[in-house]
Amino acid sequence: MPLLSLVLEEYMLPCLSKQVLGMACPGCGIQRATALLFQGEFWAAFKMYPAIYPIFALFGFLFADVFFKIKYANQISIGLMITSVVFILGNFLMNLL
């Protein structure tokens, strides 16, 4: 796994908002959290970007919905979207403080 983490860190995009404005954007940390997730560092990934799990749950559900007929898929996906947005905005506000 160290080779994978080196490759992932080499190709991470810099945050334009952080470079220009000096302030983190709501998406800051998602790349590093994803890299930590692939390394098996689940708690560190959550601490880096708490919205990582609701986002992955949403994408996993949307992917599964393509192949399987899921009852109430629309309501579940809306709930996961709202949860993801709440986590993203909560993390952004916490980083401002």
N, C-alpha and C. Protein backbone atom coordinates (compact mmCIF):
# COMPACT_ATOMS: atom_id res chain seq x y z
N MET A 1 0.79 -1.22 0.00
CA MET A 1 0.00 0.00 0.00
C MET A 1 0.83 1.28 0.00
N PRO A 2 2.07 1.27 0.50
CA PRO A 2 2.83 2.53 0.48
C PRO A 2 3.03 3.07 -0.94
N LEU A 3 3.18 2.18 -1.92
CA LEU A 3 3.36 2.62 -3.29
C LEU A 3 2.10 3.33 -3.79
N LEU A 4 0.94 2.78 -3.46
CA LEU A 4 -0.32 3.40 -3.85
C LEU A 4 -0.47 4.79 -3.23
N SER A 5 -0.09 4.92 -1.96
CA SER A 5 -0.22 6.23 -1.31
C SER A 5 0.75 7.24 -1.92
N LEU A 6 1.94 6.79 -2.30
CA LEU A 6 2.88 7.71 -2.94
C LEU A 6 2.35 8.17 -4.30
N VAL A 7 1.76 7.26 -5.05
CA VAL A 7 1.20 7.62 -6.35
C VAL A 7 0.01 8.57 -6.18
N LEU A 8 -0.86 8.29 -5.20
CA LEU A 8 -2.02 9.14 -4.98
C LEU A 8 -1.60 10.54 -4.55
N GLU A 9 -0.64 10.64 -3.65
CA GLU A 9 -0.21 11.95 -3.17
C GLU A 9 0.52 12.75 -4.25
N GLU A 10 1.16 12.06 -5.19
CA GLU A 10 1.88 12.74 -6.25
C GLU A 10 0.93 13.46 -7.22
N TYR A 11 -0.28 12.93 -7.39
CA TYR A 11 -1.21 13.48 -8.37
C TYR A 11 -2.37 14.24 -7.75
N MET A 12 -2.27 14.61 -6.48
CA MET A 12 -3.34 15.37 -5.85
C MET A 12 -3.35 16.80 -6.39
N LEU A 13 -4.54 17.30 -6.61
CA LEU A 13 -4.70 18.66 -7.11
C LEU A 13 -4.66 19.66 -5.96
N PRO A 14 -4.00 20.79 -6.15
CA PRO A 14 -4.01 21.81 -5.10
C PRO A 14 -5.35 22.54 -5.08
N CYS A 15 -5.71 23.05 -3.93
CA CYS A 15 -6.96 23.79 -3.79
C CYS A 15 -6.74 25.22 -4.27
N LEU A 16 -7.45 25.59 -5.32
CA LEU A 16 -7.32 26.93 -5.89
C LEU A 16 -7.81 27.98 -4.91
N SER A 17 -8.89 27.67 -4.20
CA SER A 17 -9.44 28.60 -3.22
C SER A 17 -8.42 28.89 -2.11
N LYS A 18 -7.75 27.84 -1.68
CA LYS A 18 -6.77 28.01 -0.60
C LYS A 18 -5.56 28.81 -1.09
N GLN A 19 -5.17 28.60 -2.34
CA GLN A 19 -4.02 29.32 -2.88
C GLN A 19 -4.33 30.79 -3.14
N VAL A 20 -5.51 31.07 -3.67
CA VAL A 20 -5.86 32.44 -4.04
C VAL A 20 -6.38 33.24 -2.85
N LEU A 21 -7.35 32.65 -2.13
CA LEU A 21 -7.99 33.37 -1.03
C LEU A 21 -7.37 33.10 0.33
N GLY A 22 -6.56 32.05 0.42
CA GLY A 22 -5.98 31.69 1.71
C GLY A 22 -6.99 31.04 2.64
N MET A 23 -8.09 30.56 2.08
CA MET A 23 -9.16 29.97 2.88
C MET A 23 -9.56 28.63 2.26
N ALA A 24 -9.76 27.64 3.10
CA ALA A 24 -10.13 26.32 2.60
C ALA A 24 -11.54 26.34 2.03
N CYS A 25 -11.75 25.54 1.00
CA CYS A 25 -13.08 25.42 0.40
C CYS A 25 -13.83 24.26 1.06
N PRO A 26 -15.13 24.10 0.79
CA PRO A 26 -15.88 23.00 1.40
C PRO A 26 -15.38 21.61 1.00
N GLY A 27 -14.64 21.51 -0.10
CA GLY A 27 -14.13 20.21 -0.54
C GLY A 27 -12.71 19.91 -0.10
N CYS A 28 -12.08 20.85 0.58
CA CYS A 28 -10.70 20.64 1.01
C CYS A 28 -10.60 19.45 1.96
N GLY A 29 -9.73 18.53 1.61
CA GLY A 29 -9.50 17.36 2.44
C GLY A 29 -10.04 16.08 1.84
N ILE A 30 -10.89 16.16 0.84
CA ILE A 30 -11.50 14.95 0.31
C ILE A 30 -10.49 14.06 -0.41
N GLN A 31 -9.50 14.66 -1.08
CA GLN A 31 -8.49 13.84 -1.76
C GLN A 31 -7.64 13.08 -0.75
N ARG A 32 -7.19 13.77 0.26
CA ARG A 32 -6.36 13.11 1.28
C ARG A 32 -7.17 12.08 2.07
N ALA A 33 -8.43 12.39 2.33
CA ALA A 33 -9.29 11.43 3.04
C ALA A 33 -9.50 10.17 2.21
N THR A 34 -9.65 10.32 0.90
CA THR A 34 -9.80 9.17 0.02
C THR A 34 -8.51 8.34 0.01
N ALA A 35 -7.37 9.01 -0.03
CA ALA A 35 -6.09 8.29 0.02
C ALA A 35 -5.96 7.54 1.34
N LEU A 36 -6.34 8.18 2.44
CA LEU A 36 -6.28 7.50 3.75
C LEU A 36 -7.24 6.32 3.79
N LEU A 37 -8.38 6.46 3.17
CA LEU A 37 -9.36 5.37 3.13
C LEU A 37 -8.79 4.17 2.37
N PHE A 38 -8.12 4.41 1.25
CA PHE A 38 -7.51 3.32 0.49
C PHE A 38 -6.35 2.68 1.25
N GLN A 39 -5.73 3.42 2.16
CA GLN A 39 -4.65 2.87 2.98
C GLN A 39 -5.17 2.10 4.19
N GLY A 40 -6.48 2.17 4.42
CA GLY A 40 -7.07 1.48 5.56
C GLY A 40 -7.11 2.31 6.82
N GLU A 41 -6.79 3.57 6.73
CA GLU A 41 -6.81 4.49 7.87
C GLU A 41 -8.20 5.13 7.96
N PHE A 42 -9.18 4.35 8.45
CA PHE A 42 -10.57 4.79 8.43
C PHE A 42 -10.84 5.95 9.38
N TRP A 43 -10.28 5.91 10.58
CA TRP A 43 -10.50 7.00 11.54
C TRP A 43 -9.78 8.27 11.07
N ALA A 44 -8.59 8.12 10.54
CA ALA A 44 -7.85 9.29 10.04
C ALA A 44 -8.58 9.92 8.85
N ALA A 45 -9.19 9.09 8.01
CA ALA A 45 -9.96 9.61 6.88
C ALA A 45 -11.16 10.40 7.38
N PHE A 46 -11.83 9.90 8.42
CA PHE A 46 -12.97 10.61 8.97
C PHE A 46 -12.54 11.93 9.61
N LYS A 47 -11.43 11.92 10.32
CA LYS A 47 -10.94 13.15 10.94
C LYS A 47 -10.52 14.17 9.89
N MET A 48 -9.98 13.70 8.77
CA MET A 48 -9.54 14.60 7.71
C MET A 48 -10.74 15.25 7.01
N TYR A 49 -11.78 14.43 6.72
CA TYR A 49 -12.95 14.93 6.00
C TYR A 49 -14.14 14.08 6.39
N PRO A 50 -14.92 14.51 7.38
CA PRO A 50 -16.02 13.69 7.91
C PRO A 50 -17.08 13.32 6.88
N ALA A 51 -17.20 14.06 5.80
CA ALA A 51 -18.23 13.77 4.81
C ALA A 51 -17.84 12.62 3.88
N ILE A 52 -16.66 12.05 4.06
CA ILE A 52 -16.20 11.00 3.16
C ILE A 52 -17.12 9.79 3.17
N TYR A 53 -17.63 9.42 4.33
CA TYR A 53 -18.48 8.23 4.41
C TYR A 53 -19.88 8.44 3.84
N PRO A 54 -20.55 9.55 4.13
CA PRO A 54 -21.84 9.77 3.45
C PRO A 54 -21.72 9.90 1.94
N ILE A 55 -20.63 10.49 1.47
CA ILE A 55 -20.42 10.63 0.03
C ILE A 55 -20.21 9.26 -0.62
N PHE A 56 -19.37 8.43 0.01
CA PHE A 56 -19.14 7.10 -0.54
C PHE A 56 -20.41 6.24 -0.46
N ALA A 57 -21.19 6.41 0.60
CA ALA A 57 -22.46 5.69 0.71
C ALA A 57 -23.41 6.13 -0.42
N LEU A 58 -23.45 7.41 -0.70
CA LEU A 58 -24.29 7.93 -1.77
C LEU A 58 -23.86 7.36 -3.12
N PHE A 59 -22.56 7.43 -3.42
CA PHE A 59 -22.09 6.91 -4.71
C PHE A 59 -22.29 5.40 -4.81
N GLY A 60 -22.06 4.69 -3.71
CA GLY A 60 -22.30 3.25 -3.71
C GLY A 60 -23.76 2.93 -3.96
N PHE A 61 -24.64 3.68 -3.33
CA PHE A 61 -26.07 3.45 -3.52
C PHE A 61 -26.49 3.77 -4.95
N LEU A 62 -26.01 4.88 -5.49
CA LEU A 62 -26.35 5.24 -6.87
C LEU A 62 -25.82 4.21 -7.86
N PHE A 63 -24.65 3.66 -7.59
CA PHE A 63 -24.09 2.61 -8.44
C PHE A 63 -24.94 1.35 -8.36
N ALA A 64 -25.34 0.97 -7.14
CA ALA A 64 -26.17 -0.22 -6.97
C ALA A 64 -27.54 -0.03 -7.59
N ASP A 65 -28.05 1.19 -7.56
CA ASP A 65 -29.37 1.47 -8.11
C ASP A 65 -29.40 1.30 -9.63
N VAL A 66 -28.26 1.43 -10.28
CA VAL A 66 -28.20 1.23 -11.72
C VAL A 66 -28.45 -0.24 -12.07
N PHE A 67 -27.94 -1.14 -11.24
CA PHE A 67 -28.01 -2.57 -11.55
C PHE A 67 -29.18 -3.29 -10.90
N PHE A 68 -29.69 -2.78 -9.80
CA PHE A 68 -30.77 -3.43 -9.07
C PHE A 68 -31.95 -2.49 -8.93
N LYS A 69 -33.13 -3.04 -8.95
CA LYS A 69 -34.34 -2.25 -8.72
C LYS A 69 -34.52 -2.10 -7.22
N ILE A 70 -34.30 -0.91 -6.70
CA ILE A 70 -34.38 -0.65 -5.27
C ILE A 70 -35.65 0.14 -4.99
N LYS A 71 -36.46 -0.39 -4.10
CA LYS A 71 -37.70 0.28 -3.73
C LYS A 71 -37.35 1.54 -2.93
N TYR A 72 -38.04 2.62 -3.19
CA TYR A 72 -37.82 3.92 -2.55
C TYR A 72 -36.41 4.47 -2.81
N ALA A 73 -35.86 4.16 -3.98
CA ALA A 73 -34.51 4.62 -4.31
C ALA A 73 -34.42 6.13 -4.33
N ASN A 74 -35.46 6.79 -4.81
CA ASN A 74 -35.43 8.25 -4.89
C ASN A 74 -35.34 8.88 -3.49
N GLN A 75 -36.16 8.38 -2.56
CA GLN A 75 -36.14 8.93 -1.21
C GLN A 75 -34.81 8.64 -0.51
N ILE A 76 -34.27 7.44 -0.73
CA ILE A 76 -32.99 7.08 -0.10
C ILE A 76 -31.88 7.94 -0.65
N SER A 77 -31.84 8.14 -1.96
CA SER A 77 -30.78 8.97 -2.54
C SER A 77 -30.90 10.42 -2.09
N ILE A 78 -32.12 10.93 -1.97
CA ILE A 78 -32.29 12.31 -1.47
C ILE A 78 -31.81 12.41 -0.03
N GLY A 79 -32.13 11.42 0.78
CA GLY A 79 -31.66 11.41 2.17
C GLY A 79 -30.15 11.36 2.27
N LEU A 80 -29.51 10.55 1.43
CA LEU A 80 -28.05 10.48 1.42
C LEU A 80 -27.43 11.78 0.91
N MET A 81 -28.09 12.42 -0.06
CA MET A 81 -27.59 13.71 -0.55
C MET A 81 -27.66 14.77 0.54
N ILE A 82 -28.78 14.82 1.23
CA ILE A 82 -28.94 15.80 2.31
C ILE A 82 -27.92 15.55 3.41
N THR A 83 -27.72 14.28 3.77
CA THR A 83 -26.73 13.93 4.79
C THR A 83 -25.33 14.36 4.35
N SER A 84 -24.99 14.13 3.10
CA SER A 84 -23.68 14.52 2.58
C SER A 84 -23.49 16.03 2.64
N VAL A 85 -24.51 16.78 2.24
CA VAL A 85 -24.41 18.24 2.26
C VAL A 85 -24.27 18.75 3.69
N VAL A 86 -25.01 18.17 4.62
CA VAL A 86 -24.92 18.58 6.03
C VAL A 86 -23.51 18.33 6.56
N PHE A 87 -22.93 17.16 6.24
CA PHE A 87 -21.58 16.85 6.68
C PHE A 87 -20.55 17.79 6.04
N ILE A 88 -20.72 18.07 4.75
CA ILE A 88 -19.78 18.96 4.05
C ILE A 88 -19.83 20.36 4.64
N LEU A 89 -21.04 20.90 4.82
CA LEU A 89 -21.16 22.25 5.38
C LEU A 89 -20.72 22.30 6.84
N GLY A 90 -21.02 21.25 7.59
CA GLY A 90 -20.57 21.19 8.97
C GLY A 90 -19.06 21.19 9.08
N ASN A 91 -18.41 20.41 8.23
CA ASN A 91 -16.94 20.38 8.21
C ASN A 91 -16.38 21.73 7.80
N PHE A 92 -17.00 22.36 6.80
CA PHE A 92 -16.54 23.67 6.35
C PHE A 92 -16.64 24.71 7.46
N LEU A 93 -17.77 24.72 8.16
CA LEU A 93 -17.96 25.67 9.26
C LEU A 93 -17.00 25.40 10.41
N MET A 94 -16.74 24.12 10.69
CA MET A 94 -15.80 23.80 11.76
C MET A 94 -14.39 24.26 11.40
N ASN A 95 -14.02 24.18 10.12
CA ASN A 95 -12.71 24.62 9.69
C ASN A 95 -12.57 26.14 9.73
N LEU A 96 -13.69 26.86 9.63
CA LEU A 96 -13.63 28.31 9.71
C LEU A 96 -13.35 28.79 11.13
N LEU A 97 -13.77 28.00 12.10
CA LEU A 97 -13.59 28.41 13.50
C LEU A 97 -12.24 28.15 14.02
